[in-house]
Amino acid sequence: MTPLGYLRKTRKQRFDNLLELLRFRSISALSDCSGDSISCAEWLVDHLGQVGFKGRLYRTKGNPIVYAEYITNSNLPTALYYGHYDVQPTEPHDLWVSPPFAPVIRGGYIYGRGTADDKGQVFAQIKGLEAVLKTNGALPINVKFVIEGEEEITPSSLPNFFEDHKDILQADVCVISDTAQFNKSTPAIVVGLRGNASAELIVYGPKRDLHSGAYGGSVANPIHVLSYLIAKMHDRKGRIAIPGFYQHVRPITKKERQQFAKLPFNSRHYATECGVPALEGESGCTTYERLWSRPALDVNGITGGHQGEGPKTIIPSRASAKISIRTVANQEPNDILDKLEKYLKRISPRSVRLELLKLGGAPAVTIPASSPWLEAAHRALRRGFGQEPVLMKEGASIPVVSDVKTILGLDSLLIGFCQNDDNSHSPNERLRVRDFENGCKTAAMLPEELSRIKGIMGRQL
């Protein structure tokens, strides 16, 4: 029997196992879910053991990290597979068609929190490797798994784990399935990610909420000031107005523009998919250029004043906004947050007090397009999906890619199996059954393709 034959034979069991994994309420942002997170990690260790991996849990100050390995021969290439079992919160609950932790399969999709981000994707890797092991009796490469439970929160325990366990994490390349395909018919390899810098801006006004009739017109309203500051973060051309923000941003090259222009794009379809009447962004740039090669600043949420039913005529004592900045190559997140703080305090009126809570971030990442590992991933995707993959960038950030490079010295293969419209981080998160199946096939093809790379041998373990 071939690995693909094994996948066909075990299809029902694979889906049953996936649904079992998705039932764990492993929301890393909620402390009352820590028990579920531990149970989920223990389940993964047990399942990897059944597949043929030697695994264990590493305890951290937060959620445990799953480590597992299958060492065939120290002279063979070694791939470090990364994934995360933690998931985002599920609000707003009333928008879910079916409960987020009662996964179901309907209309060709698997629905449930974590299907696309990232349980479904990392599980496809596990099942693909299982198919090779169970049919061939061994893997043609060495494989190590690191599956964390704090990817969706900051800070994560993973960087410290990398620093403390460099000896067992030695490898030649890192495999990550936490990105999306180009579209529903075209798989992709991601060769660039924007970085991220996050902050919370707090505007303090009066020491308590004030009656707007008794005090209105005599003191600054924190919501008004916050709105003014937000409006001043961009100019009329859609550029970020922070002084010095673009100091290290390199212009988009002619080659990049030509590569992006070759990829199909329908602005009307994209706008409809997003549910907006028209697209908007930095003047002079196409949508792909804005998403992949230019920075962006967004307000993610605003809080202030009365939020309940009916009127309450007050001047609130404070207002706040959550801000995320997507950075590009050569921009350093801490430097960007420092520039933001300096700018906001300069333009803010003296009638309020500002505080910018810097929540950290991760730098942008560029992956060499000429890597032989990339060529191997290209062949595996072509075999798994039956379609020629494209090289693309993504506007999102995956901090672990930077950590893998700076701490472990490894380049990453970013081969995702989900779609951008699979509602990651939103209600009704889903993963197409077809994409999960093709992901398992690709995962079964990848070890053979990695083993074919000549002149690159695994490090001594």
Protein backbone atom coordinates (compact mmCIF):
# COMPACT_ATOMS: atom_id res chain seq x y z
CA MET A 1 0.00 0.00 0.00
CA THR A 2 1.20 3.52 -0.81
CA PRO A 3 0.96 6.52 1.57
CA LEU A 4 -1.91 7.90 -0.55
CA GLY A 5 -3.66 4.53 -0.36
CA TYR A 6 -3.26 4.60 3.41
CA LEU A 7 -4.82 8.06 3.55
CA ARG A 8 -7.81 6.84 1.56
CA LYS A 9 -8.21 3.77 3.76
CA THR A 10 -8.03 5.73 7.02
CA ARG A 11 -10.13 8.72 5.90
CA LYS A 12 -12.95 8.27 8.44
CA GLN A 13 -10.52 7.74 11.31
CA ARG A 14 -8.52 10.84 10.31
CA PHE A 15 -11.60 13.03 10.37
CA ASP A 16 -12.78 11.52 13.66
CA ASN A 17 -9.37 12.29 15.17
CA LEU A 18 -9.44 15.85 13.85
CA LEU A 19 -12.88 16.51 15.30
CA GLU A 20 -11.66 15.16 18.65
CA LEU A 21 -8.71 17.57 18.60
CA LEU A 22 -10.97 20.51 17.70
CA ARG A 23 -13.23 19.90 20.71
CA PHE A 24 -10.58 21.08 23.18
CA ARG A 25 -11.37 24.64 24.34
CA SER A 26 -7.70 25.65 24.18
CA ILE A 27 -8.11 29.45 24.18
CA SER A 28 -4.76 30.77 25.37
CA ALA A 29 -6.12 34.25 26.13
CA LEU A 30 -8.53 32.92 28.78
CA SER A 31 -7.14 31.63 32.07
CA ASP A 32 -10.17 29.43 32.70
CA CYS A 33 -9.22 27.43 29.59
CA SER A 34 -5.81 26.40 30.93
CA GLY A 35 -7.11 22.95 31.87
CA ASP A 36 -8.36 22.37 28.34
CA SER A 37 -5.03 23.56 26.96
CA ILE A 38 -3.13 21.04 29.08
CA SER A 39 -5.53 18.27 28.05
CA CYS A 40 -5.11 19.23 24.40
CA ALA A 41 -1.32 19.11 24.68
CA GLU A 42 -1.48 15.72 26.41
CA TRP A 43 -3.78 14.44 23.65
CA LEU A 44 -1.26 15.52 21.02
CA VAL A 45 1.63 13.78 22.79
CA ASP A 46 -0.42 10.59 23.04
CA HIS A 47 -1.52 10.77 19.40
CA LEU A 48 1.99 11.45 18.13
CA GLY A 49 3.08 8.42 20.15
CA GLN A 50 0.49 6.27 18.38
CA VAL A 51 1.80 7.53 15.04
CA GLY A 52 5.35 6.49 15.92
CA PHE A 53 6.94 9.59 17.44
CA LYS A 54 8.67 9.80 20.78
CA GLY A 55 7.08 12.78 22.51
CA ARG A 56 6.83 14.62 25.80
CA LEU A 57 5.43 17.80 27.35
CA TYR A 58 7.61 20.68 28.39
CA ARG A 59 6.00 22.73 31.14
CA THR A 60 6.22 26.53 30.94
CA LYS A 61 4.85 29.42 32.97
CA GLY A 62 1.91 29.31 30.58
CA ASN A 63 0.62 26.48 28.43
CA PRO A 64 2.85 23.43 27.85
CA ILE A 65 4.88 22.88 24.69
CA VAL A 66 4.59 19.57 22.84
CA TYR A 67 7.87 18.12 21.58
CA ALA A 68 8.14 14.91 19.58
CA GLU A 69 10.79 13.37 17.36
CA TYR A 70 11.43 10.54 14.94
CA ILE A 71 15.13 10.07 14.26
CA THR A 72 15.89 7.80 11.31
CA ASN A 73 19.58 8.43 10.73
CA SER A 74 21.75 11.31 11.91
CA ASN A 75 23.22 11.60 8.42
CA LEU A 76 19.86 12.43 6.85
CA PRO A 77 18.29 15.90 6.65
CA THR A 78 16.28 16.96 9.68
CA ALA A 79 13.04 18.94 9.44
CA LEU A 80 11.59 20.79 12.44
CA TYR A 81 7.80 20.96 12.12
CA TYR A 82 6.06 23.80 13.97
CA GLY A 83 2.41 24.36 14.81
CA HIS A 84 0.18 25.67 17.60
CA TYR A 85 -2.77 24.11 19.38
CA ASP A 86 -4.07 27.29 21.03
CA VAL A 87 -6.93 29.17 19.42
CA GLN A 88 -8.55 32.59 19.45
CA PRO A 89 -11.53 33.55 21.66
CA THR A 90 -14.91 32.88 20.07
CA GLU A 91 -16.85 36.15 20.50
CA PRO A 92 -19.32 37.20 19.21
CA HIS A 93 -20.98 33.92 20.13
CA ASP A 94 -24.34 34.71 18.54
CA LEU A 95 -22.82 34.74 15.04
CA TRP A 96 -21.74 31.08 15.14
CA VAL A 97 -24.07 28.81 13.16
CA SER A 98 -22.85 25.82 15.18
CA PRO A 99 -20.98 25.89 18.54
CA PRO A 100 -17.26 26.67 18.09
CA PHE A 101 -16.09 23.65 20.07
CA ALA A 102 -18.65 21.21 18.70
CA PRO A 103 -17.04 20.79 15.25
CA VAL A 104 -19.20 19.60 12.37
CA ILE A 105 -18.73 18.81 8.69
CA ARG A 106 -21.27 20.40 6.37
CA GLY A 107 -21.28 21.66 2.80
CA GLY A 108 -17.74 20.45 2.12
CA TYR A 109 -16.25 22.30 5.11
CA ILE A 110 -15.15 21.39 8.63
CA TYR A 111 -16.52 24.09 10.98
CA GLY A 112 -15.09 24.86 14.43
CA ARG A 113 -12.58 27.05 16.20
CA GLY A 114 -9.05 26.02 15.24
CA THR A 115 -9.92 24.29 11.97
CA ALA A 116 -7.80 26.67 9.89
CA ASP A 117 -5.70 28.34 12.60
CA ASP A 118 -3.92 26.08 13.32
CA LYS A 119 -5.07 22.67 14.57
CA GLY A 120 -6.37 21.52 11.20
CA GLN A 121 -3.20 22.47 9.38
CA VAL A 122 -0.70 20.97 11.81
CA PHE A 123 -2.85 17.83 12.07
CA ALA A 124 -2.66 17.43 8.29
CA GLN A 125 1.13 17.36 8.66
CA ILE A 126 0.90 14.72 11.38
CA LYS A 127 -1.42 12.48 9.35
CA GLY A 128 0.68 12.81 6.21
CA LEU A 129 3.77 11.68 8.11
CA GLU A 130 1.75 8.86 9.65
CA ALA A 131 0.83 7.63 6.18
CA VAL A 132 4.51 7.37 5.25
CA LEU A 133 5.49 5.68 8.49
CA LYS A 134 2.71 3.10 8.42
CA THR A 135 3.27 2.11 4.80
CA ASN A 136 7.06 2.35 4.46
CA GLY A 137 8.02 1.47 8.03
CA ALA A 138 10.24 4.54 8.37
CA LEU A 139 10.63 8.17 7.32
CA PRO A 140 13.29 9.15 4.76
CA ILE A 141 14.29 12.13 6.93
CA ASN A 142 14.50 12.97 10.62
CA VAL A 143 11.46 14.82 11.94
CA LYS A 144 10.99 16.91 15.07
CA PHE A 145 7.73 18.51 16.15
CA VAL A 146 7.25 21.62 18.29
CA ILE A 147 3.59 22.47 18.90
CA GLU A 148 3.03 25.38 21.26
CA GLY A 149 -0.02 26.64 23.15
CA GLU A 150 0.64 30.40 23.27
CA GLU A 151 0.90 31.56 19.66
CA GLU A 152 -2.24 33.69 19.95
CA ILE A 153 -1.02 35.70 22.96
CA THR A 154 1.95 37.87 23.91
CA PRO A 155 4.42 37.04 25.28
CA SER A 156 4.82 33.40 24.29
CA SER A 157 7.04 30.95 26.15
CA LEU A 158 8.41 29.63 22.86
CA PRO A 159 11.47 31.92 22.43
CA ASN A 160 12.77 30.89 25.85
CA PHE A 161 12.12 27.25 24.96
CA PHE A 162 14.16 27.69 21.80
CA GLU A 163 17.02 29.30 23.74
CA ASP A 164 17.00 26.60 26.42
CA HIS A 165 16.76 23.60 24.08
CA LYS A 166 18.92 24.44 21.09
CA ASP A 167 20.62 21.07 21.48
CA ILE A 168 17.52 18.99 20.77
CA LEU A 169 16.12 21.43 18.18
CA GLN A 170 19.03 21.21 15.74
CA ALA A 171 17.66 20.85 12.22
CA ASP A 172 18.18 21.92 8.61
CA VAL A 173 14.84 23.55 7.86
CA CYS A 174 11.59 24.42 9.62
CA VAL A 175 8.20 23.43 8.15
CA ILE A 176 5.23 25.62 9.09
CA SER A 177 1.64 25.28 7.94
CA ASP A 178 -0.02 28.39 9.34
CA THR A 179 -0.55 30.40 6.16
CA ALA A 180 -3.11 30.34 3.34
CA GLN A 181 -3.21 29.21 -0.27
CA PHE A 182 -3.26 31.81 -3.03
CA ASN A 183 -6.84 30.92 -3.90
CA LYS A 184 -9.17 27.92 -3.93
CA SER A 185 -7.47 26.35 -6.92
CA THR A 186 -3.85 27.40 -6.44
CA PRO A 187 -1.55 26.34 -3.57
CA ALA A 188 1.22 28.69 -2.50
CA ILE A 189 4.57 28.96 -0.79
CA VAL A 190 4.90 32.14 1.25
CA VAL A 191 8.29 33.82 0.92
CA GLY A 192 7.65 36.98 2.91
CA LEU A 193 5.66 38.13 5.94
CA ARG A 194 5.02 41.56 7.34
CA GLY A 195 5.96 42.20 10.93
CA ASN A 196 3.76 43.56 13.68
CA ALA A 197 3.95 46.21 16.41
CA SER A 198 1.03 46.45 18.82
CA ALA A 199 0.03 49.07 21.36
CA GLU A 200 -2.85 50.43 23.40
CA LEU A 201 -3.37 54.19 23.44
CA ILE A 202 -5.09 55.55 26.57
CA VAL A 203 -6.35 59.13 26.86
CA TYR A 204 -7.01 60.30 30.43
CA GLY A 205 -9.32 63.24 31.05
CA PRO A 206 -11.15 64.20 34.27
CA LYS A 207 -10.57 62.10 37.37
CA ARG A 208 -14.15 60.78 37.14
CA ASP A 209 -17.01 60.76 34.64
CA LEU A 210 -18.57 64.22 34.59
CA HIS A 211 -22.14 65.37 33.95
CA SER A 212 -22.09 66.71 30.37
CA GLY A 213 -24.63 69.39 31.26
CA ALA A 214 -22.69 70.73 34.24
CA TYR A 215 -19.23 70.42 32.66
CA GLY A 216 -19.72 70.18 28.88
CA GLY A 217 -17.62 72.75 27.01
CA SER A 218 -15.22 73.38 29.88
CA VAL A 219 -13.01 70.26 29.87
CA ALA A 220 -11.59 68.06 27.13
CA ASN A 221 -13.54 64.93 26.24
CA PRO A 222 -11.14 61.95 26.02
CA ILE A 223 -13.21 60.36 23.24
CA HIS A 224 -12.97 63.54 21.17
CA VAL A 225 -9.21 63.69 21.68
CA LEU A 226 -8.80 60.00 20.89
CA SER A 227 -10.80 60.44 17.67
CA TYR A 228 -8.62 63.39 16.68
CA LEU A 229 -5.42 61.44 17.32
CA ILE A 230 -6.67 58.47 15.29
CA ALA A 231 -7.58 60.77 12.39
CA LYS A 232 -4.07 62.25 12.42
CA MET A 233 -2.37 58.85 12.03
CA HIS A 234 -2.87 58.91 8.23
CA ASP A 235 -2.66 61.63 5.62
CA ARG A 236 -5.11 62.14 2.77
CA LYS A 237 -3.15 59.81 0.50
CA GLY A 238 -3.44 56.90 2.91
CA ARG A 239 0.17 57.14 4.08
CA ILE A 240 1.00 56.79 7.76
CA ALA A 241 1.69 60.28 9.10
CA ILE A 242 4.14 59.39 11.89
CA PRO A 243 7.38 61.37 11.31
CA GLY A 244 10.25 59.06 10.31
CA PHE A 245 7.92 56.09 9.85
CA TYR A 246 9.12 55.35 6.30
CA GLN A 247 12.79 56.02 7.04
CA HIS A 248 13.85 52.39 6.50
CA VAL A 249 11.10 51.28 4.10
CA ARG A 250 12.60 50.44 0.74
CA PRO A 251 10.60 51.22 -2.41
CA ILE A 252 8.85 48.39 -4.21
CA THR A 253 11.18 47.17 -6.93
CA LYS A 254 10.25 46.91 -10.58
CA LYS A 255 10.71 43.13 -10.38
CA GLU A 256 8.30 42.86 -7.44
CA ARG A 257 5.68 44.92 -9.25
CA GLN A 258 6.01 42.67 -12.29
CA GLN A 259 5.70 39.51 -10.17
CA PHE A 260 2.62 40.82 -8.36
CA ALA A 261 1.05 41.94 -11.64
CA LYS A 262 1.24 38.38 -13.01
CA LEU A 263 -1.02 37.09 -10.23
CA PRO A 264 -4.74 37.23 -10.99
CA PHE A 265 -6.74 39.80 -9.05
CA ASN A 266 -10.31 41.07 -9.33
CA SER A 267 -10.87 44.18 -7.23
CA ARG A 268 -14.66 43.94 -7.45
CA HIS A 269 -14.64 40.32 -6.28
CA TYR A 270 -12.19 41.16 -3.49
CA ALA A 271 -14.38 44.04 -2.29
CA THR A 272 -17.47 41.83 -2.37
CA GLU A 273 -15.66 39.13 -0.42
CA CYS A 274 -14.71 41.72 2.21
CA GLY A 275 -18.24 43.14 2.27
CA VAL A 276 -17.19 46.71 1.38
CA PRO A 277 -18.41 48.98 -1.45
CA ALA A 278 -14.87 49.90 -2.55
CA LEU A 279 -11.20 49.31 -1.71
CA GLU A 280 -8.98 51.87 -0.03
CA GLY A 281 -5.33 52.19 0.87
CA GLU A 282 -2.05 53.94 0.17
CA SER A 283 -2.24 55.97 -3.03
CA GLY A 284 -0.12 54.74 -5.94
CA CYS A 285 -0.01 51.10 -4.83
CA THR A 286 -1.96 48.05 -5.98
CA THR A 287 -3.78 45.87 -3.46
CA TYR A 288 -1.08 43.17 -3.48
CA GLU A 289 1.59 45.82 -3.01
CA ARG A 290 -0.32 47.29 -0.06
CA LEU A 291 -0.80 43.87 1.50
CA TRP A 292 2.65 42.38 0.98
CA SER A 293 5.25 45.12 0.59
CA ARG A 294 3.90 48.24 2.30
CA PRO A 295 3.27 48.90 6.00
CA ALA A 296 -0.19 49.47 7.45
CA LEU A 297 -1.65 50.93 10.63
CA ASP A 298 -5.06 49.90 11.95
CA VAL A 299 -7.16 50.67 15.00
CA ASN A 300 -8.45 47.31 16.22
CA GLY A 301 -10.87 48.50 18.88
CA ILE A 302 -12.08 51.56 20.78
CA THR A 303 -13.38 51.79 24.34
CA GLY A 304 -14.75 54.81 26.18
CA GLY A 305 -17.79 56.21 27.90
CA HIS A 306 -21.24 54.70 28.15
CA GLN A 307 -21.72 51.46 26.20
CA GLY A 308 -25.05 50.27 27.59
CA GLU A 309 -28.62 50.72 26.46
CA GLY A 310 -30.16 54.19 26.49
CA PRO A 311 -28.57 57.60 27.07
CA LYS A 312 -26.10 58.57 29.76
CA THR A 313 -25.00 62.17 29.42
CA ILE A 314 -21.40 62.15 30.61
CA ILE A 315 -17.92 63.27 29.71
CA PRO A 316 -15.96 60.04 30.23
CA SER A 317 -12.84 60.03 32.36
CA ARG A 318 -10.86 58.02 29.79
CA ALA A 319 -10.91 56.46 26.35
CA SER A 320 -8.61 53.94 24.71
CA ALA A 321 -7.80 52.32 21.39
CA LYS A 322 -5.95 49.13 20.44
CA ILE A 323 -3.53 49.70 17.56
CA SER A 324 -1.62 47.29 15.34
CA ILE A 325 1.06 48.31 12.85
CA ARG A 326 2.11 45.90 10.12
CA THR A 327 5.77 46.56 9.43
CA VAL A 328 7.93 45.60 6.45
CA ALA A 329 11.59 44.63 6.03
CA ASN A 330 14.11 46.85 7.87
CA GLN A 331 11.50 48.33 10.21
CA GLU A 332 12.12 47.51 13.87
CA PRO A 333 8.90 47.19 15.93
CA ASN A 334 10.19 48.93 19.08
CA ASP A 335 11.54 51.84 17.05
CA ILE A 336 8.16 52.22 15.31
CA LEU A 337 6.30 52.24 18.64
CA ASP A 338 8.71 54.85 20.01
CA LYS A 339 8.05 57.06 16.98
CA LEU A 340 4.30 56.61 17.41
CA GLU A 341 4.47 57.61 21.08
CA LYS A 342 6.57 60.69 20.37
CA TYR A 343 4.22 61.82 17.60
CA LEU A 344 1.02 61.34 19.59
CA LYS A 345 2.34 63.20 22.61
CA ARG A 346 3.47 66.06 20.38
CA ILE A 347 0.08 66.57 18.71
CA SER A 348 -2.08 65.86 21.76
CA PRO A 349 -3.66 68.84 23.59
CA ARG A 350 -2.32 69.68 27.05
CA SER A 351 -5.82 69.24 28.51
CA VAL A 352 -5.44 65.44 28.66
CA ARG A 353 -2.78 62.92 29.61
CA LEU A 354 -1.65 60.19 27.22
CA GLU A 355 -0.24 56.75 27.86
CA LEU A 356 0.92 54.34 25.15
CA LEU A 357 1.19 50.77 26.37
CA LYS A 358 3.69 49.03 24.08
CA LEU A 359 2.58 45.44 23.65
CA GLY A 360 5.54 44.25 21.60
CA GLY A 361 5.71 42.72 18.15
CA ALA A 362 7.81 40.82 15.65
CA PRO A 363 9.92 41.93 12.68
CA ALA A 364 9.06 41.23 9.05
CA VAL A 365 10.57 38.12 7.48
CA THR A 366 11.89 37.43 3.99
CA ILE A 367 12.66 33.85 2.92
CA PRO A 368 15.26 33.19 0.17
CA ALA A 369 13.37 32.18 -2.97
CA SER A 370 16.39 30.23 -4.24
CA SER A 371 16.52 27.77 -1.34
CA PRO A 372 16.70 24.07 -2.33
CA TRP A 373 14.24 23.36 0.48
CA LEU A 374 11.81 25.68 -1.28
CA GLU A 375 12.17 23.63 -4.45
CA ALA A 376 11.33 20.49 -2.48
CA ALA A 377 8.21 22.12 -1.02
CA HIS A 378 7.22 23.22 -4.52
CA ARG A 379 7.33 19.62 -5.76
CA ALA A 380 5.42 18.30 -2.75
CA LEU A 381 2.63 20.86 -3.17
CA ARG A 382 2.38 20.12 -6.87
CA ARG A 383 1.98 16.41 -6.12
CA GLY A 384 -0.38 16.91 -3.18
CA PHE A 385 -2.72 19.45 -4.75
CA GLY A 386 -2.31 18.46 -8.39
CA GLN A 387 -1.65 22.11 -9.24
CA GLU A 388 1.46 24.21 -9.77
CA PRO A 389 2.02 26.37 -6.65
CA VAL A 390 2.90 30.05 -6.77
CA LEU A 391 5.30 32.09 -4.65
CA MET A 392 3.57 34.87 -2.72
CA LYS A 393 3.87 37.06 0.34
CA GLU A 394 1.39 37.54 3.17
CA GLY A 395 0.40 40.65 5.02
CA ALA A 396 0.06 38.86 8.35
CA SER A 397 2.80 38.17 10.90
CA ILE A 398 4.04 34.85 12.28
CA PRO A 399 6.50 35.67 15.09
CA VAL A 400 7.88 32.13 15.25
CA VAL A 401 9.40 32.49 11.75
CA SER A 402 11.65 35.26 13.05
CA ASP A 403 12.44 33.32 16.24
CA VAL A 404 13.33 30.20 14.26
CA LYS A 405 15.73 32.25 12.15
CA THR A 406 17.37 34.36 14.86
CA ILE A 407 17.56 31.73 17.62
CA LEU A 408 17.87 28.41 15.75
CA GLY A 409 19.38 29.72 12.50
CA LEU A 410 16.79 28.02 10.29
CA ASP A 411 14.89 29.17 7.23
CA SER A 412 11.22 28.20 7.12
CA LEU A 413 8.99 26.55 4.55
CA LEU A 414 5.61 28.29 4.80
CA ILE A 415 3.17 25.94 3.10
CA GLY A 416 -0.39 26.60 4.26
CA PHE A 417 -3.47 24.59 3.40
CA CYS A 418 -6.36 26.92 4.33
CA GLN A 419 -7.99 29.84 2.48
CA ASN A 420 -7.99 33.53 3.39
CA ASP A 421 -11.80 33.43 3.65
CA ASP A 422 -11.84 30.55 6.15
CA ASN A 423 -12.76 32.96 8.97
CA SER A 424 -9.65 32.56 11.08
CA HIS A 425 -10.13 34.66 14.26
CA SER A 426 -13.82 35.12 13.33
CA PRO A 427 -17.09 33.27 13.94
CA ASN A 428 -17.71 30.18 11.80
CA GLU A 429 -14.04 29.36 11.30
CA ARG A 430 -13.74 26.56 8.80
CA LEU A 431 -11.41 24.41 6.69
CA ARG A 432 -12.43 22.98 3.37
CA VAL A 433 -12.50 19.16 3.41
CA ARG A 434 -10.72 19.15 0.07
CA ASP A 435 -7.94 21.38 1.42
CA PHE A 436 -7.44 19.18 4.48
CA GLU A 437 -7.19 16.11 2.24
CA ASN A 438 -4.73 17.80 -0.11
CA GLY A 439 -2.76 19.02 2.90
CA CYS A 440 -2.43 15.44 4.16
CA LYS A 441 -1.28 14.33 0.69
CA THR A 442 1.29 17.14 0.51
CA ALA A 443 2.56 16.25 3.98
CA ALA A 444 2.98 12.66 2.82
CA MET A 445 4.98 13.79 -0.23
CA LEU A 446 7.22 16.33 1.53
CA PRO A 447 9.63 13.97 3.39
CA GLU A 448 10.57 12.19 0.16
CA GLU A 449 11.14 15.51 -1.62
CA LEU A 450 13.26 16.85 1.24
CA SER A 451 15.35 13.68 1.27
CA ARG A 452 16.17 14.14 -2.44
CA ILE A 453 18.13 17.33 -1.85
CA LYS A 454 21.73 16.47 -2.73
CA GLY A 455 24.74 17.75 -0.83
CA ILE A 456 22.75 18.75 2.25
CA MET A 457 23.01 16.36 5.12
CA GLY A 458 21.42 16.47 8.53
CA ARG A 459 23.48 17.78 11.40
CA GLN A 460 24.97 15.36 13.92
CA LEU A 461 22.43 14.97 16.71
